[in-house]
Amino acid sequence: MRTDQPYCWVEKWQHTNSVLRVIETLKSGTILKEIADWLNTPTYVPDIVKSTAKLIQINETGIFHLTGPDFINRYDLAILTAEIFCLKKEMIQPINSKELGLAAKRSNVKLNNEKTCKKTGILFLGIKDGLIDMQRNFLL
């Protein structure tokens, strides 16, 4: 099972994720520089859990992409997160990944979840709906 950019609330002992990093940075009043040329398929963790359980239940084997349906850059994801959580989106500044000075170039890879959806009957939430559901279940 492959996933990309999982997001949801986490327990204190768990690693953070892109959405929580945006929320925490903006709530602290800090300017957030976010990459505009990296695209991902953000995936809402409850969808990963549901589809994993279903694949196990129906005894499926093989490679499955457990990803959301949206292919979005990290800057636009940050802006949408700020809008949904009523945070100051003007504090988000777009940057190019070249500014990071990384040794290796990162590719934009879009994982397709059609096979997973077909086998499980579960449709993954798009990023906007996932963020809205997350906001409704506010835990911070």
N, C-alpha and C. Protein backbone atom coordinates (compact mmCIF):
# COMPACT_ATOMS: atom_id res chain seq x y z
N MET A 1 0.84 -1.17 0.00
CA MET A 1 0.00 0.00 0.00
C MET A 1 0.89 1.23 0.00
N ARG A 2 0.62 2.11 -0.93
CA ARG A 2 1.37 3.36 -1.05
C ARG A 2 0.43 4.52 -0.77
N THR A 3 0.96 5.51 -0.08
CA THR A 3 0.17 6.71 0.18
C THR A 3 1.05 7.93 -0.06
N ASP A 4 0.46 9.11 0.03
CA ASP A 4 1.19 10.34 -0.20
C ASP A 4 0.61 11.43 0.70
N GLN A 5 1.47 12.15 1.40
CA GLN A 5 1.11 13.29 2.22
C GLN A 5 -0.11 13.02 3.11
N PRO A 6 -0.03 12.00 3.98
CA PRO A 6 -1.16 11.77 4.89
C PRO A 6 -1.33 12.95 5.86
N TYR A 7 -2.58 13.28 6.14
CA TYR A 7 -2.86 14.38 7.06
C TYR A 7 -4.06 14.05 7.93
N CYS A 8 -4.01 14.53 9.16
CA CYS A 8 -5.09 14.38 10.13
C CYS A 8 -4.53 14.88 11.45
N TRP A 9 -5.35 14.92 12.46
CA TRP A 9 -4.86 15.24 13.80
C TRP A 9 -3.95 14.11 14.26
N VAL A 10 -2.99 14.42 15.11
CA VAL A 10 -2.08 13.39 15.61
C VAL A 10 -2.01 13.47 17.13
N GLU A 11 -1.57 12.39 17.72
CA GLU A 11 -1.29 12.37 19.15
C GLU A 11 0.06 13.04 19.38
N LYS A 12 0.34 13.47 20.58
CA LYS A 12 1.58 14.18 20.89
C LYS A 12 2.83 13.38 20.53
N TRP A 13 2.76 12.06 20.60
CA TRP A 13 3.92 11.22 20.33
C TRP A 13 4.11 10.94 18.84
N GLN A 14 3.18 11.32 17.99
CA GLN A 14 3.26 11.06 16.56
C GLN A 14 3.94 12.22 15.83
N HIS A 15 4.46 11.90 14.65
CA HIS A 15 5.04 12.94 13.80
C HIS A 15 3.93 13.85 13.28
N THR A 16 4.29 15.07 13.00
CA THR A 16 3.33 16.01 12.44
C THR A 16 3.16 15.75 10.94
N ASN A 17 2.37 16.57 10.28
CA ASN A 17 2.18 16.43 8.84
C ASN A 17 2.05 17.83 8.25
N SER A 18 1.96 17.91 6.95
CA SER A 18 1.95 19.20 6.25
C SER A 18 0.80 20.11 6.70
N VAL A 19 -0.37 19.57 6.87
CA VAL A 19 -1.53 20.37 7.27
C VAL A 19 -1.33 20.91 8.68
N LEU A 20 -0.90 20.07 9.60
CA LEU A 20 -0.68 20.54 10.97
C LEU A 20 0.44 21.56 11.05
N ARG A 21 1.47 21.38 10.23
CA ARG A 21 2.57 22.34 10.21
C ARG A 21 2.07 23.72 9.78
N VAL A 22 1.18 23.75 8.78
CA VAL A 22 0.60 25.02 8.34
C VAL A 22 -0.19 25.66 9.48
N ILE A 23 -1.07 24.88 10.11
CA ILE A 23 -1.91 25.39 11.20
C ILE A 23 -1.04 25.91 12.35
N GLU A 24 -0.08 25.12 12.78
CA GLU A 24 0.76 25.49 13.92
C GLU A 24 1.61 26.73 13.61
N THR A 25 2.16 26.80 12.40
CA THR A 25 3.00 27.94 12.03
C THR A 25 2.18 29.22 11.98
N LEU A 26 1.03 29.18 11.34
CA LEU A 26 0.20 30.38 11.23
C LEU A 26 -0.36 30.80 12.58
N LYS A 27 -0.74 29.84 13.43
CA LYS A 27 -1.24 30.18 14.76
C LYS A 27 -0.17 30.85 15.61
N SER A 28 1.10 30.52 15.35
CA SER A 28 2.20 31.11 16.12
C SER A 28 2.54 32.52 15.64
N GLY A 29 1.92 32.94 14.51
CA GLY A 29 2.18 34.27 13.96
C GLY A 29 3.43 34.34 13.11
N THR A 30 3.96 33.19 12.73
CA THR A 30 5.17 33.12 11.93
C THR A 30 4.83 33.06 10.45
N ILE A 31 5.63 33.75 9.63
CA ILE A 31 5.47 33.66 8.16
C ILE A 31 5.81 32.24 7.73
N LEU A 32 5.01 31.68 6.85
CA LEU A 32 5.24 30.33 6.34
C LEU A 32 5.67 30.41 4.88
N LYS A 33 6.84 29.90 4.57
CA LYS A 33 7.31 29.81 3.19
C LYS A 33 6.98 28.40 2.71
N GLU A 34 6.16 28.34 1.67
CA GLU A 34 5.71 27.03 1.19
C GLU A 34 6.05 26.86 -0.28
N ILE A 35 6.40 25.64 -0.63
CA ILE A 35 6.88 25.32 -1.97
C ILE A 35 5.72 25.27 -2.97
N ALA A 36 5.88 26.01 -4.06
CA ALA A 36 4.82 26.10 -5.07
C ALA A 36 5.03 25.14 -6.25
N ASP A 37 6.21 24.53 -6.35
CA ASP A 37 6.46 23.67 -7.52
C ASP A 37 6.52 22.18 -7.17
N TRP A 38 6.15 21.80 -5.97
CA TRP A 38 6.03 20.39 -5.60
C TRP A 38 4.55 20.06 -5.51
N LEU A 39 4.14 19.05 -6.24
CA LEU A 39 2.75 18.61 -6.22
C LEU A 39 2.64 17.25 -5.55
N ASN A 40 1.54 17.06 -4.83
CA ASN A 40 1.28 15.82 -4.13
C ASN A 40 -0.19 15.46 -4.24
N THR A 41 -0.51 14.25 -3.79
CA THR A 41 -1.89 13.81 -3.67
C THR A 41 -2.17 13.60 -2.17
N PRO A 42 -2.49 14.68 -1.44
CA PRO A 42 -2.72 14.58 0.00
C PRO A 42 -3.83 13.57 0.31
N THR A 43 -3.64 12.83 1.40
CA THR A 43 -4.56 11.75 1.73
C THR A 43 -5.02 11.86 3.17
N TYR A 44 -6.32 11.89 3.36
CA TYR A 44 -6.92 11.99 4.69
C TYR A 44 -6.77 10.64 5.39
N VAL A 45 -6.15 10.63 6.56
CA VAL A 45 -5.82 9.38 7.26
C VAL A 45 -7.04 8.48 7.50
N PRO A 46 -8.22 9.00 7.89
CA PRO A 46 -9.36 8.09 8.04
C PRO A 46 -9.68 7.30 6.75
N ASP A 47 -9.42 7.87 5.59
CA ASP A 47 -9.64 7.14 4.33
C ASP A 47 -8.60 6.02 4.17
N ILE A 48 -7.37 6.28 4.61
CA ILE A 48 -6.34 5.24 4.56
C ILE A 48 -6.75 4.07 5.46
N VAL A 49 -7.23 4.39 6.65
CA VAL A 49 -7.63 3.36 7.61
C VAL A 49 -8.78 2.53 7.06
N LYS A 50 -9.83 3.21 6.55
CA LYS A 50 -11.00 2.49 6.02
C LYS A 50 -10.63 1.57 4.86
N SER A 51 -9.84 2.10 3.92
CA SER A 51 -9.51 1.29 2.74
C SER A 51 -8.55 0.17 3.09
N THR A 52 -7.63 0.39 4.02
CA THR A 52 -6.73 -0.68 4.46
C THR A 52 -7.53 -1.81 5.09
N ALA A 53 -8.45 -1.46 5.98
CA ALA A 53 -9.29 -2.47 6.64
C ALA A 53 -10.09 -3.27 5.61
N LYS A 54 -10.63 -2.57 4.61
CA LYS A 54 -11.44 -3.25 3.59
C LYS A 54 -10.57 -4.18 2.74
N LEU A 55 -9.37 -3.73 2.35
CA LEU A 55 -8.47 -4.59 1.56
C LEU A 55 -8.10 -5.85 2.34
N ILE A 56 -7.88 -5.71 3.63
CA ILE A 56 -7.57 -6.88 4.47
C ILE A 56 -8.79 -7.78 4.56
N GLN A 57 -9.95 -7.19 4.78
CA GLN A 57 -11.20 -7.95 4.92
C GLN A 57 -11.49 -8.78 3.67
N ILE A 58 -11.26 -8.22 2.49
CA ILE A 58 -11.56 -8.95 1.25
C ILE A 58 -10.35 -9.72 0.73
N ASN A 59 -9.28 -9.74 1.55
CA ASN A 59 -8.09 -10.54 1.28
C ASN A 59 -7.43 -10.20 -0.06
N GLU A 60 -7.33 -8.91 -0.36
CA GLU A 60 -6.69 -8.47 -1.60
C GLU A 60 -5.17 -8.46 -1.43
N THR A 61 -4.49 -8.76 -2.51
CA THR A 61 -3.03 -8.66 -2.53
C THR A 61 -2.64 -7.83 -3.75
N GLY A 62 -1.42 -7.33 -3.72
CA GLY A 62 -0.94 -6.52 -4.84
C GLY A 62 -0.57 -5.13 -4.37
N ILE A 63 -0.35 -4.26 -5.33
CA ILE A 63 0.03 -2.88 -5.05
C ILE A 63 -1.21 -2.01 -5.13
N PHE A 64 -1.46 -1.24 -4.08
CA PHE A 64 -2.61 -0.35 -4.04
C PHE A 64 -2.15 1.04 -3.63
N HIS A 65 -2.66 2.04 -4.33
CA HIS A 65 -2.38 3.44 -3.99
C HIS A 65 -3.54 3.95 -3.14
N LEU A 66 -3.23 4.30 -1.92
CA LEU A 66 -4.22 4.84 -1.00
C LEU A 66 -3.95 6.33 -0.90
N THR A 67 -4.52 7.07 -1.85
CA THR A 67 -4.27 8.50 -1.94
C THR A 67 -5.56 9.26 -2.22
N GLY A 68 -5.52 10.53 -1.87
CA GLY A 68 -6.64 11.38 -2.20
C GLY A 68 -6.72 11.61 -3.69
N PRO A 69 -7.83 12.16 -4.17
CA PRO A 69 -8.02 12.36 -5.61
C PRO A 69 -7.38 13.63 -6.16
N ASP A 70 -6.95 14.54 -5.29
CA ASP A 70 -6.46 15.84 -5.76
C ASP A 70 -4.95 15.86 -5.90
N PHE A 71 -4.47 16.49 -6.97
CA PHE A 71 -3.04 16.69 -7.23
C PHE A 71 -2.81 18.19 -7.08
N ILE A 72 -2.18 18.59 -5.97
CA ILE A 72 -2.13 20.00 -5.59
C ILE A 72 -0.72 20.36 -5.13
N ASN A 73 -0.31 21.59 -5.40
CA ASN A 73 1.01 21.99 -4.91
C ASN A 73 0.90 22.39 -3.44
N ARG A 74 2.05 22.37 -2.77
CA ARG A 74 2.06 22.60 -1.32
C ARG A 74 1.64 24.02 -0.95
N TYR A 75 1.94 24.98 -1.79
CA TYR A 75 1.51 26.36 -1.52
C TYR A 75 -0.02 26.44 -1.54
N ASP A 76 -0.65 25.91 -2.60
CA ASP A 76 -2.12 25.94 -2.68
C ASP A 76 -2.76 25.16 -1.54
N LEU A 77 -2.13 24.06 -1.13
CA LEU A 77 -2.62 23.29 0.01
C LEU A 77 -2.58 24.15 1.28
N ALA A 78 -1.51 24.88 1.47
CA ALA A 78 -1.38 25.75 2.64
C ALA A 78 -2.44 26.85 2.62
N ILE A 79 -2.66 27.45 1.46
CA ILE A 79 -3.68 28.50 1.33
C ILE A 79 -5.06 27.94 1.68
N LEU A 80 -5.40 26.78 1.13
CA LEU A 80 -6.70 26.16 1.40
C LEU A 80 -6.84 25.81 2.88
N THR A 81 -5.77 25.32 3.47
CA THR A 81 -5.79 25.00 4.90
C THR A 81 -6.06 26.26 5.72
N ALA A 82 -5.38 27.34 5.39
CA ALA A 82 -5.59 28.61 6.10
C ALA A 82 -7.04 29.07 5.96
N GLU A 83 -7.60 28.95 4.77
CA GLU A 83 -9.00 29.36 4.55
C GLU A 83 -9.96 28.53 5.39
N ILE A 84 -9.80 27.23 5.38
CA ILE A 84 -10.72 26.33 6.10
C ILE A 84 -10.62 26.56 7.62
N PHE A 85 -9.41 26.81 8.11
CA PHE A 85 -9.20 26.97 9.55
C PHE A 85 -9.20 28.44 9.99
N CYS A 86 -9.64 29.32 9.10
CA CYS A 86 -9.78 30.76 9.41
C CYS A 86 -8.47 31.36 9.93
N LEU A 87 -7.39 31.07 9.22
CA LEU A 87 -6.08 31.61 9.57
C LEU A 87 -5.65 32.60 8.50
N LYS A 88 -4.63 33.39 8.78
CA LYS A 88 -4.20 34.45 7.86
C LYS A 88 -3.38 33.89 6.70
N LYS A 89 -4.06 33.71 5.56
CA LYS A 89 -3.37 33.15 4.39
C LYS A 89 -2.34 34.11 3.81
N GLU A 90 -2.46 35.40 4.11
CA GLU A 90 -1.46 36.36 3.62
C GLU A 90 -0.10 36.16 4.28
N MET A 91 -0.04 35.33 5.31
CA MET A 91 1.23 35.01 5.97
C MET A 91 1.96 33.85 5.29
N ILE A 92 1.37 33.35 4.19
CA ILE A 92 1.99 32.24 3.45
C ILE A 92 2.65 32.82 2.20
N GLN A 93 3.92 32.53 2.05
CA GLN A 93 4.68 33.02 0.90
C GLN A 93 5.12 31.85 0.02
N PRO A 94 4.87 31.94 -1.29
CA PRO A 94 5.31 30.86 -2.17
C PRO A 94 6.82 30.94 -2.41
N ILE A 95 7.45 29.77 -2.46
CA ILE A 95 8.86 29.69 -2.83
C ILE A 95 9.03 28.58 -3.85
N ASN A 96 10.15 28.57 -4.53
CA ASN A 96 10.49 27.53 -5.49
C ASN A 96 11.41 26.54 -4.78
N SER A 97 11.29 25.27 -5.09
CA SER A 97 12.09 24.25 -4.42
C SER A 97 13.59 24.47 -4.60
N LYS A 98 13.99 25.17 -5.65
CA LYS A 98 15.42 25.45 -5.87
C LYS A 98 15.99 26.27 -4.71
N GLU A 99 15.13 27.07 -4.06
CA GLU A 99 15.57 27.89 -2.94
C GLU A 99 16.00 27.05 -1.73
N LEU A 100 15.60 25.77 -1.70
CA LEU A 100 15.94 24.90 -0.58
C LEU A 100 17.37 24.37 -0.66
N GLY A 101 17.95 24.40 -1.87
CA GLY A 101 19.32 23.93 -2.05
C GLY A 101 19.49 22.44 -1.79
N LEU A 102 18.48 21.66 -2.13
CA LEU A 102 18.57 20.21 -1.91
C LEU A 102 19.51 19.56 -2.90
N ALA A 103 20.20 18.52 -2.46
CA ALA A 103 21.16 17.82 -3.33
C ALA A 103 20.47 17.08 -4.47
N ALA A 104 19.30 16.51 -4.19
CA ALA A 104 18.57 15.74 -5.19
C ALA A 104 17.28 16.45 -5.58
N LYS A 105 16.96 16.43 -6.87
CA LYS A 105 15.71 17.02 -7.35
C LYS A 105 14.55 16.07 -7.00
N ARG A 106 13.44 16.63 -6.60
CA ARG A 106 12.25 15.84 -6.29
C ARG A 106 11.32 15.85 -7.50
N SER A 107 10.75 14.70 -7.80
CA SER A 107 9.79 14.60 -8.91
C SER A 107 8.38 14.76 -8.39
N ASN A 108 7.50 15.26 -9.24
CA ASN A 108 6.08 15.32 -8.92
C ASN A 108 5.45 14.03 -9.44
N VAL A 109 5.04 13.17 -8.53
CA VAL A 109 4.47 11.88 -8.91
C VAL A 109 3.03 11.84 -8.44
N LYS A 110 2.13 11.57 -9.37
CA LYS A 110 0.72 11.49 -9.01
C LYS A 110 0.31 10.02 -8.94
N LEU A 111 -0.01 9.58 -7.73
CA LEU A 111 -0.49 8.21 -7.55
C LEU A 111 -1.99 8.17 -7.83
N ASN A 112 -2.41 7.16 -8.56
CA ASN A 112 -3.81 7.02 -8.96
C ASN A 112 -4.49 6.00 -8.06
N ASN A 113 -5.60 6.38 -7.43
CA ASN A 113 -6.28 5.49 -6.49
C ASN A 113 -7.46 4.71 -7.09
N GLU A 114 -7.62 4.73 -8.40
CA GLU A 114 -8.78 4.09 -9.03
C GLU A 114 -8.90 2.61 -8.68
N LYS A 115 -7.79 1.88 -8.72
CA LYS A 115 -7.81 0.45 -8.41
C LYS A 115 -8.31 0.21 -6.99
N THR A 116 -7.80 1.00 -6.05
CA THR A 116 -8.20 0.87 -4.65
C THR A 116 -9.69 1.16 -4.48
N CYS A 117 -10.15 2.24 -5.09
CA CYS A 117 -11.57 2.60 -4.99
C CYS A 117 -12.46 1.54 -5.60
N LYS A 118 -12.04 0.99 -6.71
CA LYS A 118 -12.82 -0.05 -7.39
C LYS A 118 -12.92 -1.31 -6.54
N LYS A 119 -11.80 -1.73 -5.96
CA LYS A 119 -11.77 -2.96 -5.15
C LYS A 119 -12.50 -2.80 -3.82
N THR A 120 -12.43 -1.62 -3.22
CA THR A 120 -13.01 -1.43 -1.87
C THR A 120 -14.38 -0.78 -1.88
N GLY A 121 -14.71 -0.05 -2.94
CA GLY A 121 -15.95 0.71 -2.96
C GLY A 121 -15.88 1.98 -2.13
N ILE A 122 -14.68 2.33 -1.68
CA ILE A 122 -14.48 3.51 -0.84
C ILE A 122 -13.92 4.64 -1.69
N LEU A 123 -14.58 5.79 -1.66
CA LEU A 123 -14.09 6.97 -2.35
C LEU A 123 -13.35 7.85 -1.35
N PHE A 124 -12.14 8.23 -1.70
CA PHE A 124 -11.33 9.07 -0.83
C PHE A 124 -11.82 10.52 -0.92
N LEU A 125 -11.80 11.22 0.22
CA LEU A 125 -12.19 12.62 0.23
C LEU A 125 -11.16 13.47 -0.50
N GLY A 126 -11.64 14.47 -1.22
CA GLY A 126 -10.75 15.45 -1.80
C GLY A 126 -10.19 16.30 -0.68
N ILE A 127 -9.15 17.07 -0.97
CA ILE A 127 -8.47 17.83 0.06
C ILE A 127 -9.40 18.81 0.78
N LYS A 128 -10.26 19.49 0.04
CA LYS A 128 -11.16 20.45 0.69
C LYS A 128 -12.10 19.76 1.66
N ASP A 129 -12.73 18.67 1.24
CA ASP A 129 -13.65 17.95 2.11
C ASP A 129 -12.92 17.31 3.29
N GLY A 130 -11.70 16.82 3.08
CA GLY A 130 -10.92 16.26 4.17
C GLY A 130 -10.58 17.31 5.22
N LEU A 131 -10.18 18.49 4.75
CA LEU A 131 -9.86 19.58 5.69
C LEU A 131 -11.10 20.04 6.45
N ILE A 132 -12.24 20.08 5.77
CA ILE A 132 -13.50 20.47 6.43
C ILE A 132 -13.85 19.44 7.50
N ASP A 133 -13.71 18.16 7.18
CA ASP A 133 -14.00 17.11 8.16
C ASP A 133 -13.02 17.21 9.34
N MET A 134 -11.78 17.48 9.05
CA MET A 134 -10.77 17.63 10.09
C MET A 134 -11.12 18.83 10.99
N GLN A 135 -11.53 19.92 10.38
CA GLN A 135 -11.88 21.13 11.13
C GLN A 135 -13.09 20.87 12.02
N ARG A 136 -14.05 20.09 11.56
CA ARG A 136 -15.23 19.76 12.36
C ARG A 136 -14.86 18.93 13.58
N ASN A 137 -13.79 18.16 13.44
CA ASN A 137 -13.34 17.27 14.52
C ASN A 137 -12.11 17.85 15.20
N PHE A 138 -12.12 19.16 15.41
CA PHE A 138 -10.99 19.92 15.95
C PHE A 138 -10.53 19.34 17.27
N LEU A 139 -9.24 19.02 17.37
CA LEU A 139 -8.69 18.43 18.58
C LEU A 139 -7.62 19.26 19.26
N LEU A 140 -7.09 20.29 18.58
CA LEU A 140 -6.00 21.06 19.19
C LEU A 140 -6.49 22.02 20.25
